[in-house]
Protein backbone atom coordinates (compact mmCIF):
# COMPACT_ATOMS: atom_id res chain seq x y z
CA MET A 1 32.06 49.58 -128.94
CA ILE A 2 29.15 49.11 -126.58
CA SER A 3 29.80 48.27 -122.93
CA PRO A 4 27.50 45.77 -121.17
CA LEU A 5 25.66 48.24 -118.94
CA ALA A 6 22.08 47.75 -117.84
CA ALA A 7 19.82 48.81 -115.02
CA LEU A 8 20.81 45.86 -112.92
CA PRO A 9 19.47 45.32 -109.39
CA ALA A 10 21.75 46.30 -106.55
CA GLU A 11 23.13 43.45 -104.51
CA PRO A 12 21.78 43.23 -100.95
CA VAL A 13 24.58 43.30 -98.42
CA SER A 14 24.32 42.26 -94.80
CA PRO A 15 25.13 44.76 -92.01
CA THR A 16 28.51 43.14 -91.49
CA GLY A 17 29.44 43.56 -95.13
CA ASP A 18 29.19 39.85 -95.91
CA VAL A 19 26.79 38.68 -98.54
CA ALA A 20 23.88 36.74 -97.12
CA LEU A 21 23.15 33.29 -98.45
CA ALA A 22 20.10 32.32 -100.48
CA PRO A 23 18.54 35.62 -101.70
CA GLU A 24 21.88 37.14 -102.65
CA ARG A 25 23.00 34.03 -104.48
CA LEU A 26 19.84 34.20 -106.56
CA ALA A 27 20.50 37.91 -107.21
CA HIS A 28 24.07 37.12 -108.33
CA SER A 29 22.77 34.46 -110.73
CA ASN A 30 20.30 36.94 -112.21
CA ASN A 31 23.03 39.57 -112.49
CA LEU A 32 25.27 37.10 -114.34
CA LEU A 33 22.43 36.41 -116.77
CA GLN A 34 22.00 40.16 -117.31
CA LEU A 35 25.73 40.51 -118.03
CA ILE A 36 25.55 37.68 -120.55
CA GLN A 37 22.65 39.32 -122.38
CA MET A 38 24.33 42.72 -122.41
CA ARG A 39 27.62 41.20 -123.57
CA TRP A 40 25.89 39.87 -126.69
CA LEU A 41 24.72 43.40 -127.38
CA ALA A 42 28.31 44.58 -126.86
CA VAL A 43 29.63 42.04 -129.39
CA ALA A 44 27.03 43.06 -131.95
CA GLY A 45 27.60 46.77 -131.30
CA GLN A 46 31.37 46.54 -131.59
CA LEU A 47 31.15 44.52 -134.81
CA PHE A 48 28.74 47.08 -136.26
CA THR A 49 31.05 49.95 -135.23
CA ILE A 50 34.12 48.29 -136.79
CA LEU A 51 32.31 47.74 -140.08
CA ILE A 52 31.01 51.31 -140.20
CA VAL A 53 34.45 52.82 -139.48
CA GLU A 54 36.21 50.55 -141.98
CA PHE A 55 33.83 50.59 -144.93
CA VAL A 56 31.72 53.74 -144.50
CA LEU A 57 34.12 56.25 -142.94
CA GLY A 58 37.06 54.85 -144.89
CA MET A 59 39.41 54.62 -141.90
CA SER A 60 41.89 51.75 -141.87
CA LEU A 61 41.55 49.35 -138.93
CA PRO A 62 43.21 46.02 -138.12
CA VAL A 63 39.94 44.22 -138.78
CA ILE A 64 41.28 40.68 -138.39
CA GLU A 65 42.69 41.36 -134.91
CA MET A 66 39.61 43.24 -133.74
CA VAL A 67 37.17 40.61 -135.04
CA THR A 68 39.30 37.92 -133.38
CA LEU A 69 38.86 39.75 -130.08
CA LEU A 70 35.11 39.76 -130.60
CA ALA A 71 35.22 36.01 -131.26
CA VAL A 72 37.11 35.51 -128.00
CA LEU A 73 34.48 37.59 -126.18
CA ALA A 74 31.69 35.55 -127.78
CA VAL A 75 33.31 32.26 -126.71
CA PHE A 76 33.70 33.58 -123.17
CA ASN A 77 30.04 34.60 -123.16
CA ILE A 78 28.98 31.10 -124.22
CA ALA A 79 31.05 29.68 -121.34
CA SER A 80 29.40 32.16 -118.97
CA TRP A 81 25.96 31.06 -120.20
CA LEU A 82 26.82 27.41 -119.54
CA ARG A 83 28.11 28.41 -116.08
CA GLN A 84 24.91 30.26 -115.31
CA ARG A 85 22.83 27.13 -116.01
CA LEU A 86 24.66 25.19 -113.29
CA ALA A 87 22.88 24.93 -109.92
CA LEU A 88 25.79 26.60 -108.15
CA PRO A 89 25.90 29.98 -106.40
CA VAL A 90 27.54 32.84 -108.29
CA SER A 91 30.06 34.76 -106.20
CA ASN A 92 31.22 38.38 -106.30
CA GLY A 93 34.58 37.13 -107.55
CA GLU A 94 33.00 35.52 -110.62
CA LEU A 95 31.13 38.69 -111.51
CA PHE A 96 34.33 40.69 -111.04
CA ALA A 97 36.27 38.26 -113.27
CA GLY A 98 33.63 38.60 -115.98
CA LEU A 99 33.90 42.37 -115.88
CA LEU A 100 37.71 42.11 -116.05
CA VAL A 101 37.36 40.13 -119.28
CA ASP A 102 35.09 42.89 -120.65
CA VAL A 103 37.67 45.52 -119.64
CA GLY A 104 40.49 43.48 -121.18
CA VAL A 105 38.71 43.10 -124.53
CA LEU A 106 37.79 46.78 -124.54
CA THR A 107 41.43 47.71 -123.81
CA CYS A 108 42.70 45.56 -126.68
CA GLN A 109 40.13 47.05 -129.06
CA LEU A 110 41.21 50.56 -128.04
CA TYR A 111 44.87 49.58 -128.45
CA TYR A 112 44.22 48.73 -132.11
CA SER A 113 42.15 51.87 -132.68
CA GLY A 114 44.05 54.87 -131.35
CA GLY A 115 44.37 54.30 -127.60
CA SER A 116 43.47 57.32 -125.46
CA ALA A 117 42.72 59.34 -128.60
CA ASN A 118 39.77 57.06 -129.37
CA PRO A 119 36.53 58.72 -128.21
CA PHE A 120 35.22 55.33 -127.05
CA ILE A 121 37.77 55.27 -124.21
CA TYR A 122 35.16 56.69 -121.84
CA LEU A 123 33.32 53.38 -122.06
CA TYR A 124 35.58 52.48 -119.14
CA LEU A 125 33.29 54.62 -117.00
CA LEU A 126 30.39 52.38 -117.88
CA GLN A 127 32.38 49.37 -116.71
CA VAL A 128 32.96 51.20 -113.43
CA ALA A 129 29.25 51.97 -113.17
CA VAL A 130 28.35 48.30 -113.71
CA GLY A 131 30.83 47.31 -111.02
CA SER A 132 29.39 49.89 -108.62
CA VAL A 133 25.93 48.38 -109.01
CA LEU A 134 26.88 44.69 -108.94
CA LEU A 135 29.93 44.33 -106.73
CA ARG A 136 30.99 44.85 -103.14
CA PRO A 137 33.03 48.05 -102.50
CA ILE A 138 36.43 46.29 -102.49
CA TYR A 139 35.80 44.90 -105.98
CA THR A 140 34.38 48.22 -107.18
CA TRP A 141 37.49 50.16 -106.19
CA ALA A 142 39.62 47.41 -107.72
CA MET A 143 37.72 48.01 -110.97
CA VAL A 144 38.51 51.74 -110.73
CA LEU A 145 42.20 50.90 -110.30
CA VAL A 146 42.26 48.45 -113.22
CA THR A 147 40.48 50.80 -115.65
CA SER A 148 42.72 53.69 -114.58
CA LEU A 149 45.86 51.61 -115.26
CA CYS A 150 44.46 50.59 -118.64
CA PHE A 151 43.74 54.25 -119.39
CA VAL A 152 47.33 55.23 -118.52
CA ALA A 153 48.75 52.33 -120.55
CA LEU A 154 46.76 53.35 -123.62
CA THR A 155 48.23 56.85 -123.50
CA GLN A 156 51.68 55.33 -124.01
CA TRP A 157 51.13 52.16 -126.04
CA HIS A 158 48.65 52.00 -128.92
CA ARG A 159 48.39 51.93 -132.66
CA PRO A 160 47.67 55.40 -134.00
CA LEU A 161 44.27 55.94 -135.54
CA ALA A 162 44.43 57.94 -138.77
CA PHE A 163 41.51 60.36 -138.80
CA PRO A 164 40.74 61.59 -142.33
CA ASP A 165 41.31 65.32 -142.95
CA VAL A 166 42.72 65.75 -139.47
CA GLY A 167 46.32 66.67 -138.82
CA GLY A 168 48.41 68.19 -136.07
CA PRO A 169 50.81 67.22 -133.36
CA ALA A 170 50.13 64.50 -130.79
CA PRO A 171 48.38 65.48 -127.54
CA SER A 172 50.68 67.13 -125.01
CA ALA A 173 51.53 65.69 -121.61
CA HIS A 174 49.36 68.36 -119.96
CA TYR A 175 46.40 67.30 -122.09
CA VAL A 176 46.92 63.63 -121.27
CA GLY A 177 47.28 64.47 -117.56
CA GLY A 178 44.07 66.49 -117.58
CA LEU A 179 42.30 63.68 -119.44
CA LEU A 180 43.43 61.16 -116.83
CA ALA A 181 42.39 63.46 -113.95
CA CYS A 182 38.98 63.88 -115.51
CA PHE A 183 38.62 60.12 -115.86
CA LEU A 184 39.64 59.47 -112.24
CA ILE A 185 37.25 62.11 -110.89
CA ASN A 186 34.34 60.76 -112.93
CA ALA A 187 35.09 57.17 -111.92
CA SER A 188 35.38 58.05 -108.21
CA LEU A 189 32.17 60.07 -108.22
CA LEU A 190 30.34 57.22 -109.97
CA VAL A 191 31.47 54.75 -107.32
CA ILE A 192 30.66 57.05 -104.39
CA PHE A 193 27.25 58.24 -105.50
CA ILE A 194 26.04 54.96 -106.96
CA GLY A 195 27.15 53.29 -103.73
CA ARG A 196 25.20 55.82 -101.68
CA ILE A 197 22.15 55.45 -103.86
CA GLY A 198 22.33 51.67 -103.54
CA ARG A 199 22.67 51.95 -99.76
CA ASN A 200 19.67 54.29 -99.59
CA LEU A 201 17.63 51.87 -101.68
CA ARG A 202 18.54 48.98 -99.39
CA GLN A 203 17.57 51.04 -96.33
CA ARG A 204 14.28 51.96 -97.99
CA ASP A 205 13.60 48.30 -98.78
CA ALA A 206 14.34 47.39 -95.17
CA ARG A 207 11.90 50.03 -93.91
CA LEU A 208 9.23 48.86 -96.34
CA ALA A 209 9.75 45.26 -95.23
CA ASP A 210 9.35 46.35 -91.60
CA LEU A 211 6.15 48.25 -92.44
CA ARG A 212 4.77 45.24 -94.30
CA GLN A 213 5.59 43.05 -91.31
CA ARG A 214 3.83 45.44 -88.95
CA ALA A 215 0.80 45.59 -91.26
CA ALA A 216 0.63 41.79 -91.33
CA GLU A 217 0.89 41.63 -87.54
CA GLU A 218 -1.84 44.24 -87.12
CA GLU A 219 -4.09 42.34 -89.52
CA HIS A 220 -3.43 39.24 -87.45
CA ILE A 221 -4.42 41.14 -84.32
CA VAL A 222 -7.65 42.34 -85.94
CA ARG A 223 -8.61 38.77 -86.85
CA MET A 224 -7.90 37.56 -83.32
CA GLY A 225 -9.80 40.51 -81.90
CA LEU A 226 -12.87 39.67 -83.98
CA LEU A 227 -12.64 36.03 -82.93
CA ALA A 228 -12.22 36.95 -79.26
CA SER A 229 -15.11 39.42 -79.38
CA GLY A 230 -17.40 36.82 -80.95
CA ALA A 231 -16.34 34.20 -78.39
CA ALA A 232 -16.92 36.65 -75.55
CA HIS A 233 -20.49 37.27 -76.74
CA GLU A 234 -21.12 33.53 -76.98
CA LEU A 235 -19.67 32.89 -73.51
CA GLY A 236 -21.71 35.59 -71.80
CA THR A 237 -24.97 33.63 -71.62
CA PRO A 238 -23.62 30.28 -70.32
CA LEU A 239 -21.49 32.08 -67.71
CA ALA A 240 -24.52 33.99 -66.49
CA THR A 241 -26.48 30.73 -66.29
CA LEU A 242 -23.70 29.05 -64.31
CA SER A 243 -23.58 32.01 -61.92
CA VAL A 244 -27.32 31.75 -61.23
CA ILE A 245 -27.17 27.98 -60.72
CA LEU A 246 -24.22 28.23 -58.33
CA GLY A 247 -26.05 30.93 -56.38
CA ASP A 248 -29.07 28.65 -56.03
CA TRP A 249 -26.88 25.75 -54.93
CA ALA A 250 -25.22 27.89 -52.28
CA ARG A 251 -28.64 28.54 -50.71
CA MET A 252 -29.90 24.95 -50.90
CA THR A 253 -29.95 23.08 -47.57
CA PRO A 254 -28.09 19.91 -48.71
CA PHE A 255 -25.14 21.98 -49.94
CA ALA A 256 -25.25 24.60 -47.19
CA ALA A 257 -25.03 21.87 -44.55
CA GLU A 258 -21.81 20.46 -46.02
CA PRO A 259 -18.79 22.76 -45.40
CA GLU A 260 -16.65 21.07 -48.05
CA LEU A 261 -19.35 21.36 -50.71
CA ARG A 262 -20.06 24.96 -49.72
CA GLU A 263 -16.34 25.79 -50.00
CA GLU A 264 -16.12 24.20 -53.45
CA ILE A 265 -19.20 26.11 -54.61
CA GLU A 266 -17.64 29.34 -53.40
CA GLN A 267 -14.46 28.55 -55.32
CA MET A 268 -16.50 27.85 -58.44
CA GLN A 269 -18.34 31.15 -57.99
CA VAL A 270 -15.00 32.97 -57.76
CA GLN A 271 -13.76 31.33 -60.96
CA VAL A 272 -17.01 32.04 -62.81
CA SER A 273 -16.81 35.64 -61.66
CA ARG A 274 -13.24 35.80 -62.96
CA CYS A 275 -14.35 34.35 -66.32
CA LYS A 276 -17.10 36.97 -66.54
CA SER A 277 -14.52 39.67 -65.77
CA ILE A 278 -12.25 38.36 -68.54
CA VAL A 279 -15.15 38.35 -71.01
CA THR A 280 -16.02 41.91 -70.03
CA GLY A 281 -12.39 42.93 -70.51
CA ILE A 282 -12.33 41.39 -73.98
CA LEU A 283 -15.45 43.26 -74.99
CA GLN A 284 -14.05 46.49 -73.55
CA SER A 285 -10.87 46.04 -75.58
CA ALA A 286 -12.98 45.47 -78.67
CA GLY A 287 -14.81 48.76 -78.05
CA GLU A 288 -17.96 47.16 -76.60
CA THR A 289 -17.83 48.47 -73.05
CA ARG A 290 -21.41 47.46 -72.29
CA GLY A 291 -22.06 50.83 -70.65
CA GLU A 292 -18.93 50.83 -68.48
CA ALA A 293 -16.93 54.06 -68.76
CA PRO A 294 -13.11 54.08 -68.51
CA GLU A 295 -12.04 54.32 -64.89
CA GLU A 296 -9.98 57.31 -63.75
CA THR A 297 -7.60 56.52 -60.94
CA THR A 298 -3.99 57.19 -59.95
CA LEU A 299 -0.85 55.39 -61.02
CA HIS A 300 -0.21 54.04 -57.49
CA ASP A 301 -3.77 52.72 -57.10
CA PHE A 302 -3.74 51.17 -60.59
CA LEU A 303 -0.50 49.27 -60.05
CA ASP A 304 -1.33 48.26 -56.46
CA GLU A 305 -4.74 46.92 -57.49
CA LEU A 306 -3.36 45.13 -60.53
CA VAL A 307 -0.54 43.41 -58.61
CA GLU A 308 -2.80 42.46 -55.70
CA GLU A 309 -5.49 41.01 -57.96
CA TRP A 310 -2.91 39.07 -59.94
CA ARG A 311 -1.31 37.75 -56.74
CA GLN A 312 -4.67 36.50 -55.41
CA THR A 313 -5.78 34.80 -58.65
CA ARG A 314 -2.49 33.03 -59.51
CA PRO A 315 -0.61 30.30 -57.66
CA VAL A 316 2.45 32.46 -57.17
CA LYS A 317 4.85 31.53 -54.37
CA GLU A 318 6.23 35.00 -53.77
CA LEU A 319 5.85 38.28 -55.63
CA ILE A 320 7.79 41.38 -54.60
CA PHE A 321 6.41 44.69 -55.88
CA ASP A 322 8.60 47.79 -55.62
CA ARG A 323 7.40 51.23 -56.72
CA HIS A 324 9.87 53.30 -54.74
CA ASN A 325 9.99 57.00 -55.76
CA LEU A 326 7.25 56.49 -58.35
CA PRO A 327 5.16 59.67 -58.76
CA ASP A 328 1.44 59.29 -58.12
CA VAL A 329 -0.10 60.95 -61.16
CA PRO A 330 -3.68 60.88 -62.50
CA PHE A 331 -4.12 57.75 -64.54
CA ILE A 332 -6.61 55.99 -66.81
CA ALA A 333 -7.13 52.31 -65.94
CA ASP A 334 -6.94 50.99 -69.49
CA THR A 335 -8.13 47.40 -69.91
CA ALA A 336 -5.65 46.61 -72.68
CA LEU A 337 -2.80 47.89 -70.50
CA ARG A 338 -3.95 45.73 -67.59
CA GLN A 339 -4.13 42.65 -69.81
CA MET A 340 -0.70 43.41 -71.26
CA ILE A 341 0.93 43.51 -67.80
CA ASP A 342 -1.00 40.38 -66.76
CA ASN A 343 0.33 38.55 -69.83
CA VAL A 344 3.92 39.46 -68.99
CA LEU A 345 3.44 38.35 -65.36
CA ASP A 346 1.77 35.11 -66.49
CA ASN A 347 4.71 34.30 -68.74
CA ALA A 348 7.16 34.98 -65.91
CA LEU A 349 5.16 32.69 -63.61
CA GLU A 350 5.09 29.90 -66.19
CA ALA A 351 8.87 30.22 -66.67
CA ALA A 352 9.54 29.95 -62.92
CA PRO A 353 6.43 28.51 -61.16
CA GLN A 354 8.29 27.90 -57.88
CA GLY A 355 10.63 30.88 -58.01
CA LEU A 356 10.55 34.44 -56.84
CA LEU A 357 8.97 37.09 -59.07
CA ARG A 358 9.85 40.74 -58.76
CA VAL A 359 8.12 43.78 -60.29
CA GLN A 360 9.92 47.12 -60.17
CA ALA A 361 8.14 50.32 -61.25
CA SER A 362 10.03 53.54 -61.85
CA CYS A 363 9.64 56.78 -63.74
CA GLU A 364 12.27 58.82 -65.55
CA ASP A 365 11.87 61.61 -68.10
CA ASP A 366 8.07 61.23 -68.13
CA THR A 367 8.42 57.54 -69.01
CA LEU A 368 6.98 54.69 -66.96
CA THR A 369 9.25 51.64 -66.75
CA LEU A 370 8.08 48.27 -65.40
CA ARG A 371 10.67 45.54 -64.90
CA VAL A 372 9.37 41.98 -64.47
CA GLN A 373 12.09 39.60 -63.26
CA ASP A 374 11.90 35.84 -62.76
CA GLN A 375 14.25 33.06 -61.69
CA GLY A 376 13.55 30.74 -64.61
CA PRO A 377 15.93 29.34 -67.25
CA GLY A 378 15.86 32.56 -69.27
CA PHE A 379 15.36 33.09 -73.00
CA THR A 380 17.19 31.18 -75.70
CA PRO A 381 19.04 33.26 -78.33
CA GLN A 382 16.43 32.29 -80.92
CA MET A 383 13.60 33.50 -78.67
CA LEU A 384 15.36 36.80 -77.97
CA GLN A 385 15.87 37.32 -81.70
CA ARG A 386 12.17 36.77 -82.44
CA PHE A 387 10.78 38.16 -79.18
CA GLY A 388 7.18 39.27 -79.54
CA LYS A 389 6.56 37.42 -82.80
CA PRO A 390 3.41 35.25 -82.99
CA TYR A 391 3.74 31.53 -82.31
CA GLU A 392 7.23 31.92 -80.83
CA SER A 393 7.18 30.21 -77.46
CA SER A 394 9.18 27.81 -75.33
CA LYS A 395 6.03 26.15 -74.02
CA GLY A 396 5.92 23.60 -76.83
CA ARG A 397 2.23 23.90 -77.62
CA PRO A 398 0.31 25.30 -80.59
CA GLY A 399 -0.67 28.91 -80.22
CA GLY A 400 2.06 29.64 -77.69
CA GLY A 401 3.59 33.08 -77.72
CA LEU A 402 0.40 34.96 -78.60
CA GLY A 403 0.32 36.61 -75.18
CA LEU A 404 3.68 38.31 -75.65
CA PHE A 405 2.83 39.06 -79.28
CA LEU A 406 -0.32 40.93 -78.22
CA SER A 407 1.50 42.63 -75.35
CA VAL A 408 4.22 43.96 -77.66
CA ASN A 409 1.64 45.37 -80.04
CA VAL A 410 -0.39 46.96 -77.21
CA ALA A 411 2.77 48.67 -75.95
CA ARG A 412 3.59 49.86 -79.47
CA THR A 413 0.07 51.25 -79.84
CA LEU A 414 0.55 53.23 -76.62
CA GLY A 415 3.83 54.63 -77.94
CA GLY A 416 6.06 52.36 -75.87
CA ARG A 417 7.95 49.12 -76.27
CA ILE A 418 8.69 45.81 -74.57
CA GLU A 419 12.21 44.38 -74.45
CA ALA A 420 13.62 41.20 -72.98
CA HIS A 421 17.03 39.98 -71.93
CA ASN A 422 18.63 37.41 -69.66
CA ARG A 423 19.97 38.54 -66.30
CA PRO A 424 23.66 37.92 -65.49
CA GLY A 425 22.78 36.06 -62.28
CA GLY A 426 20.18 33.82 -63.96
CA GLY A 427 16.59 34.25 -64.95
CA ALA A 428 15.02 36.68 -67.37
CA GLU A 429 13.85 40.28 -67.28
CA VAL A 430 11.13 41.84 -69.40
CA VAL A 431 11.14 45.64 -69.48
CA ILE A 432 7.94 47.54 -70.35
CA THR A 433 8.52 51.19 -71.28
CA LEU A 434 5.52 53.50 -71.74
CA PRO A 435 5.20 57.28 -72.07
CA LEU A 436 3.12 58.66 -69.21
CA ALA A 437 1.50 61.19 -71.56
CA SER A 438 -0.45 58.41 -73.29
CA LEU A 439 -1.73 57.04 -69.95
CA MET A 440 -2.48 60.12 -67.88
CA THR A 441 -5.77 62.02 -67.77
CA SER A 442 -6.02 65.44 -69.36
CA LYS A 443 -6.46 67.14 -66.00
């Protein structure tokens, strides 16, 4: 009597205990197919066992009844196969019902062949193991209860099995009680440990999925970095040419004599200078510093300079910068860090172009915290759920969201993180948390 047990994949369960939709439905369908295949092996194995016991070992069995049970199991398996071919999701309840049919047929076979005295009674444990792998905990413990009741019933009601050359009194109540205790302990341990193993496997799969996602994001960053570095090299020459031409125009008499033209030329020179600075920053981030060494400064000077430069180069209405009680420690002016903070400020400005922006800097437990607050509409739940993912933006244009995506990865590289949430009074807040140890000089 072979029980339909196989190395079946564990069912993924959501954190709330509910089964998720599409992937789990596919897993249930595959599990049902596995049960169908193993049930055919069970039918063949039980038929083979009955024939061996009856005709080889010479033990008398109610062959007609037992073969009829196998026919019923075969018909049920055909119905299960037809059900599996339907384009409908397979639920936990259906899998549980199928296992109950297997338990019922096994119980009837044991009833006709000695009950609890039949050595095949421990096949109930395999049914419990299958349930532990396939079903949710509530169904698994229900399977333990059902098999235990069947076990108890078989100790009282069964047809005796006449073993040849074996005599003696029937098992005592103490023996039956010990047998039942052993069965319950084994069944409970199977459920507990298989459940734990399944949970560990799901946690491992979740970690691997997170690592694969991070690897894909880092590969994406590398591709963008190569593209940006190549573009920066290409832009260097035309920007230098424009700078020279604008310098010549500024000295030419027709332009110098016109205040409006001179003012426009000066504005163009400022913008060209800013473009050259951006190109230099890109090359520095790519490791091509063009002979410029990293700048050592202090935390106060770095933040003051960054905020002041950003305020002068953006059309911001009002920006409040608060670094009250922030320690002034030695600091490395990292280009990637500067660009990361600029990206967060740019996003806040785009969310609330006419509103008030506030930047609060604080330090606690050797951790630098920057809070960027705006008075915009805030983040939608979908944006908060996928915050920092590429191409996730409310701006409605292709390529949006790359700034925050790069900022999140820069913070992660520095050992920190970036989080976002909506403020109770309106607007959004982005919190940048960085360990000072990764930003300070070794002095």
